[in-house]
C-alpha atoms as a PDB file:
ATOM      1  CA  MET A   1       0.765 -19.064 -23.329  1.00  0.00           C
ATOM      2  CA  ALA A   2      -0.534 -15.567 -24.325  1.00  0.00           C
ATOM      3  CA  TYR A   3      -0.143 -12.080 -22.944  1.00  0.00           C
ATOM      4  CA  SER A   4      -0.799 -11.674 -19.231  1.00  0.00           C
ATOM      5  CA  ASN A   5      -1.496  -8.290 -17.680  1.00  0.00           C
ATOM      6  CA  SER A   6       0.118  -9.471 -14.449  1.00  0.00           C
ATOM      7  CA  LYS A   7       3.396  -9.983 -16.355  1.00  0.00           C
ATOM      8  CA  GLY A   8       3.147  -6.906 -18.589  1.00  0.00           C
ATOM      9  CA  LEU A   9       5.189  -6.376 -21.743  1.00  0.00           C
ATOM     10  CA  ILE A  10       8.581  -6.129 -20.031  1.00  0.00           C
ATOM     11  CA  ALA A  11       9.813  -7.296 -16.646  1.00  0.00           C
ATOM     12  CA  LEU A  12      13.091  -6.542 -14.903  1.00  0.00           C
ATOM     13  CA  PRO A  13      14.773  -8.843 -12.412  1.00  0.00           C
ATOM     14  CA  THR A  14      14.568  -8.003  -8.722  1.00  0.00           C
ATOM     15  CA  ALA A  15      16.421 -11.071  -7.419  1.00  0.00           C
ATOM     16  CA  TYR A  16      18.316 -14.131  -8.594  1.00  0.00           C
ATOM     17  CA  ASN A  17      18.514 -17.471  -6.818  1.00  0.00           C
ATOM     18  CA  ALA A  18      21.856 -18.996  -7.823  1.00  0.00           C
ATOM     19  CA  SER A  19      21.028 -22.470  -6.515  1.00  0.00           C
ATOM     20  CA  SER A  20      17.850 -22.800  -8.580  1.00  0.00           C
ATOM     21  CA  LYS A  21      19.040 -20.403 -11.331  1.00  0.00           C
ATOM     22  CA  GLU A  22      15.671 -18.635 -11.200  1.00  0.00           C
ATOM     23  CA  TYR A  23      14.834 -14.966 -11.370  1.00  0.00           C
ATOM     24  CA  THR A  24      12.199 -13.005  -9.536  1.00  0.00           C
ATOM     25  CA  TRP A  25      10.617 -10.500 -11.922  1.00  0.00           C
ATOM     26  CA  LYS A  26       8.756  -7.222 -11.577  1.00  0.00           C
ATOM     27  CA  LYS A  27       6.870  -5.937 -14.582  1.00  0.00           C
ATOM     28  CA  LEU A  28       7.744  -2.499 -15.840  1.00  0.00           C
ATOM     29  CA  SER A  29       4.876  -0.216 -14.942  1.00  0.00           C
ATOM     30  CA  TYR A  30       3.057   1.356 -17.872  1.00  0.00           C
ATOM     31  CA  LYS A  31       3.675   4.712 -16.191  1.00  0.00           C
ATOM     32  CA  TYR A  32       7.235   4.392 -17.570  1.00  0.00           C
ATOM     33  CA  ILE A  33       6.059   3.727 -21.127  1.00  0.00           C
ATOM     34  CA  GLN A  34       4.820   6.585 -23.270  1.00  0.00           C
ATOM     35  CA  PRO A  35       1.279   5.883 -24.466  1.00  0.00           C
ATOM     36  CA  ASN A  36       0.425   5.618 -28.165  1.00  0.00           C
ATOM     37  CA  GLY A  37       3.448   3.869 -29.587  1.00  0.00           C
ATOM     38  CA  GLY A  38       5.994   4.453 -26.848  1.00  0.00           C
ATOM     39  CA  ILE A  39       7.322   0.883 -27.038  1.00  0.00           C
ATOM     40  CA  SER A  40       8.552  -1.417 -29.770  1.00  0.00           C
ATOM     41  CA  ILE A  41       9.715  -4.989 -29.380  1.00  0.00           C
ATOM     42  CA  THR A  42      11.462  -6.554 -32.369  1.00  0.00           C
ATOM     43  CA  PRO A  43      11.779 -10.224 -31.450  1.00  0.00           C
ATOM     44  CA  ASN A  44      14.066 -12.818 -32.965  1.00  0.00           C
ATOM     45  CA  GLN A  45      15.997 -10.586 -35.371  1.00  0.00           C
ATOM     46  CA  MET A  46      17.996 -12.790 -37.717  1.00  0.00           C
ATOM     47  CA  GLN A  47      21.754 -12.410 -37.898  1.00  0.00           C
ATOM     48  CA  ASP A  48      23.756 -13.036 -41.042  1.00  0.00           C
ATOM     49  CA  ILE A  49      27.396 -13.851 -41.586  1.00  0.00           C
ATOM     50  CA  ASP A  50      29.164 -13.409 -44.918  1.00  0.00           C
ATOM     51  CA  SER A  51      25.941 -12.887 -46.887  1.00  0.00           C
ATOM     52  CA  TYR A  52      26.380 -11.587 -50.411  1.00  0.00           C
ATOM     53  CA  VAL A  53      24.675 -11.002 -53.743  1.00  0.00           C
ATOM     54  CA  ASN A  54      25.962 -13.343 -56.463  1.00  0.00           C
ATOM     55  CA  GLY A  55      26.695 -12.418 -60.087  1.00  0.00           C
ATOM     56  CA  ASN A  56      23.041 -13.041 -61.043  1.00  0.00           C
ATOM     57  CA  GLY A  57      21.776 -10.620 -58.413  1.00  0.00           C
ATOM     58  CA  VAL A  58      20.516 -13.358 -56.079  1.00  0.00           C
ATOM     59  CA  LEU A  59      21.020 -12.760 -52.374  1.00  0.00           C
ATOM     60  CA  LYS A  60      22.891 -15.648 -50.734  1.00  0.00           C
ATOM     61  CA  ARG A  61      22.360 -15.599 -46.978  1.00  0.00           C
ATOM     62  CA  THR A  62      24.022 -17.476 -44.194  1.00  0.00           C
ATOM     63  CA  VAL A  63      21.657 -17.020 -41.263  1.00  0.00           C
ATOM     64  CA  LEU A  64      23.075 -17.799 -37.832  1.00  0.00           C
ATOM     65  CA  PRO A  65      21.095 -19.956 -35.398  1.00  0.00           C
ATOM     66  CA  HIS A  66      21.102 -17.298 -32.659  1.00  0.00           C
ATOM     67  CA  SER A  67      18.621 -14.461 -33.110  1.00  0.00           C
ATOM     68  CA  ARG A  68      18.428 -11.217 -31.140  1.00  0.00           C
ATOM     69  CA  THR A  69      15.553  -9.232 -29.754  1.00  0.00           C
ATOM     70  CA  LYS A  70      15.577  -5.450 -29.512  1.00  0.00           C
ATOM     71  CA  ILE A  71      13.337  -3.580 -27.094  1.00  0.00           C
ATOM     72  CA  GLU A  72      12.977   0.196 -27.329  1.00  0.00           C
ATOM     73  CA  TRP A  73      10.703   2.470 -25.403  1.00  0.00           C
ATOM     74  CA  ASN A  74      10.168   6.093 -24.567  1.00  0.00           C
ATOM     75  CA  THR A  75       8.994   7.283 -21.210  1.00  0.00           C
ATOM     76  CA  PRO A  76       6.461  10.046 -20.817  1.00  0.00           C
ATOM     77  CA  TYR A  77       7.579  13.171 -18.957  1.00  0.00           C
ATOM     78  CA  LEU A  78       8.956  11.968 -15.623  1.00  0.00           C
ATOM     79  CA  THR A  79       9.225  13.683 -12.284  1.00  0.00           C
ATOM     80  CA  TYR A  80      12.578  13.498 -10.550  1.00  0.00           C
ATOM     81  CA  VAL A  81      11.222  10.828  -8.170  1.00  0.00           C
ATOM     82  CA  ASP A  82       9.871   8.657 -11.025  1.00  0.00           C
ATOM     83  CA  LYS A  83      13.119   9.021 -12.987  1.00  0.00           C
ATOM     84  CA  CYS A  84      15.072   7.878  -9.918  1.00  0.00           C
ATOM     85  CA  ARG A  85      12.760   4.876  -9.417  1.00  0.00           C
ATOM     86  CA  LEU A  86      13.149   3.802 -13.042  1.00  0.00           C
ATOM     87  CA  VAL A  87      16.939   4.152 -12.953  1.00  0.00           C
ATOM     88  CA  GLN A  88      17.066   2.259  -9.651  1.00  0.00           C
ATOM     89  CA  ALA A  89      15.001  -0.613 -11.096  1.00  0.00           C
ATOM     90  CA  ILE A  90      17.355  -0.869 -14.069  1.00  0.00           C
ATOM     91  CA  THR A  91      20.577  -0.612 -12.048  1.00  0.00           C
ATOM     92  CA  ASN A  92      19.286  -3.173  -9.544  1.00  0.00           C
ATOM     93  CA  GLY A  93      18.624  -5.471 -12.503  1.00  0.00           C
ATOM     94  CA  PHE A  94      22.285  -5.155 -13.540  1.00  0.00           C
ATOM     95  CA  LYS A  95      23.215  -6.856 -10.262  1.00  0.00           C
ATOM     96  CA  CYS A  96      20.886  -9.859 -10.669  1.00  0.00           C
ATOM     97  CA  GLY A  97      22.366 -13.005 -12.138  1.00  0.00           C
ATOM     98  CA  VAL A  98      24.554 -11.860 -15.024  1.00  0.00           C
ATOM     99  CA  GLY A  99      26.570  -9.635 -12.679  1.00  0.00           C
ATOM    100  CA  ILE A 100      28.359  -7.335 -15.129  1.00  0.00           C
ATOM    101  CA  THR A 101      27.285  -3.840 -14.094  1.00  0.00           C
ATOM    102  CA  ASN A 102      29.949  -1.932 -16.051  1.00  0.00           C
ATOM    103  CA  GLN A 103      28.583  -3.432 -19.300  1.00  0.00           C
ATOM    104  CA  ARG A 104      24.988  -2.573 -18.363  1.00  0.00           C
ATOM    105  CA  LYS A 105      24.155  -6.254 -18.861  1.00  0.00           C
ATOM    106  CA  ILE A 106      20.699  -7.300 -17.663  1.00  0.00           C
ATOM    107  CA  ARG A 107      18.206 -10.130 -17.986  1.00  0.00           C
ATOM    108  CA  ILE A 108      14.810  -9.020 -19.296  1.00  0.00           C
ATOM    109  CA  ARG A 109      11.610 -11.000 -19.612  1.00  0.00           C
ATOM    110  CA  TYR A 110       9.426  -9.786 -22.465  1.00  0.00           C
ATOM    111  CA  TYR A 111       6.280 -10.707 -24.318  1.00  0.00           C
ATOM    112  CA  ASN A 112       7.139 -12.089 -27.768  1.00  0.00           C
ATOM    113  CA  ASP A 113       4.312 -11.454 -30.249  1.00  0.00           C
ATOM    114  CA  LEU A 114       5.749 -13.971 -32.734  1.00  0.00           C
ATOM    115  CA  THR A 115       5.443 -16.870 -30.307  1.00  0.00           C
ATOM    116  CA  ASP A 116       2.571 -15.439 -28.218  1.00  0.00           C
ATOM    117  CA  ASP A 117       4.580 -16.298 -25.121  1.00  0.00           C
ATOM    118  CA  TYR A 118       7.085 -14.850 -22.676  1.00  0.00           C
ATOM    119  CA  GLU A 119      10.808 -15.212 -23.209  1.00  0.00           C
ATOM    120  CA  ALA A 120      13.837 -13.970 -21.298  1.00  0.00           C
ATOM    121  CA  GLY A 121      17.177 -12.918 -22.669  1.00  0.00           C
ATOM    122  CA  THR A 122      20.401 -11.239 -21.705  1.00  0.00           C
ATOM    123  CA  PHE A 123      20.497  -7.667 -22.974  1.00  0.00           C
ATOM    124  CA  TYR A 124      22.646  -4.604 -22.748  1.00  0.00           C
ATOM    125  CA  ILE A 125      21.131  -1.196 -22.137  1.00  0.00           C
ATOM    126  CA  SER A 126      22.505   1.384 -24.546  1.00  0.00           C
ATOM    127  CA  ASP A 127      23.534   4.862 -23.419  1.00  0.00           C
ATOM    128  CA  ILE A 128      20.710   6.864 -21.863  1.00  0.00           C
ATOM    129  CA  THR A 129      20.377  10.614 -22.332  1.00  0.00           C
ATOM    130  CA  PHE A 130      18.563  12.545 -19.604  1.00  0.00           C
ATOM    131  CA  GLN A 131      17.060  15.926 -20.495  1.00  0.00           C
ATOM    132  CA  PRO A 132      15.694  17.995 -17.635  1.00  0.00           C
ATOM    133  CA  GLY A 133      13.001  20.192 -19.113  1.00  0.00           C
ATOM    134  CA  GLY A 134      12.286  22.547 -16.265  1.00  0.00           C
ATOM    135  CA  LEU A 135      11.260  22.332 -12.652  1.00  0.00           C
ATOM    136  CA  TYR A 136       8.234  20.708 -11.038  1.00  0.00           C
ATOM    137  CA  HIS A 137       7.718  21.451  -7.346  1.00  0.00           C
ATOM    138  CA  GLY A 138      11.374  22.473  -7.062  1.00  0.00           C
ATOM    139  CA  ALA A 139      12.847  19.340  -8.692  1.00  0.00           C
ATOM    140  CA  PRO A 140      13.757  18.558 -12.307  1.00  0.00           C
ATOM    141  CA  LEU A 141      10.999  17.436 -14.651  1.00  0.00           C
ATOM    142  CA  TYR A 142      12.442  15.142 -17.323  1.00  0.00           C
ATOM    143  CA  LEU A 143      11.540  15.200 -20.983  1.00  0.00           C
ATOM    144  CA  PRO A 144      10.723  11.742 -22.436  1.00  0.00           C
ATOM    145  CA  ILE A 145      13.680   9.390 -22.121  1.00  0.00           C
ATOM    146  CA  ARG A 146      14.501   6.839 -24.822  1.00  0.00           C
ATOM    147  CA  LEU A 147      15.697   3.443 -23.600  1.00  0.00           C
ATOM    148  CA  ALA A 148      16.969   0.591 -25.723  1.00  0.00           C
ATOM    149  CA  ALA A 149      17.823  -2.985 -24.762  1.00  0.00           C
ATOM    150  CA  ILE A 150      19.644  -5.112 -27.321  1.00  0.00           C
ATOM    151  CA  GLU A 151      20.022  -8.840 -26.774  1.00  0.00           C
ATOM    152  CA  TYR A 152      23.460 -10.451 -26.729  1.00  0.00           C
END
């Protein structure tokens, strides 16, 4: 397919139609991605089980059929309003389709450079640390926030 600016690099779900099992997506605005290397997508990471090095020093791998993608990004400095919008988009995504909010489980559509196409997966969002770095017009100004999504 190829990259499409209208789809962006990452999209979060805004709705889920249970009867058709289809998601409605909204791309993550680049205003939430730090420029110059603020995002990394590691698609299709192989998983091993019981791999070992034999007596001759040769690695013997048992690669599982399911691979995982990891998406990490840093935001630029965010105003309080922008931080709230980003958090709201993520928490709304927890409620779409997979329905397990307490596990921070979310569907994400992403551009996969290996296949030059878009794929979607079920991810969990790791713990997020918020660091207010002062005030801007009477509200907190947030230092860059690191977000990570790891596929199930």
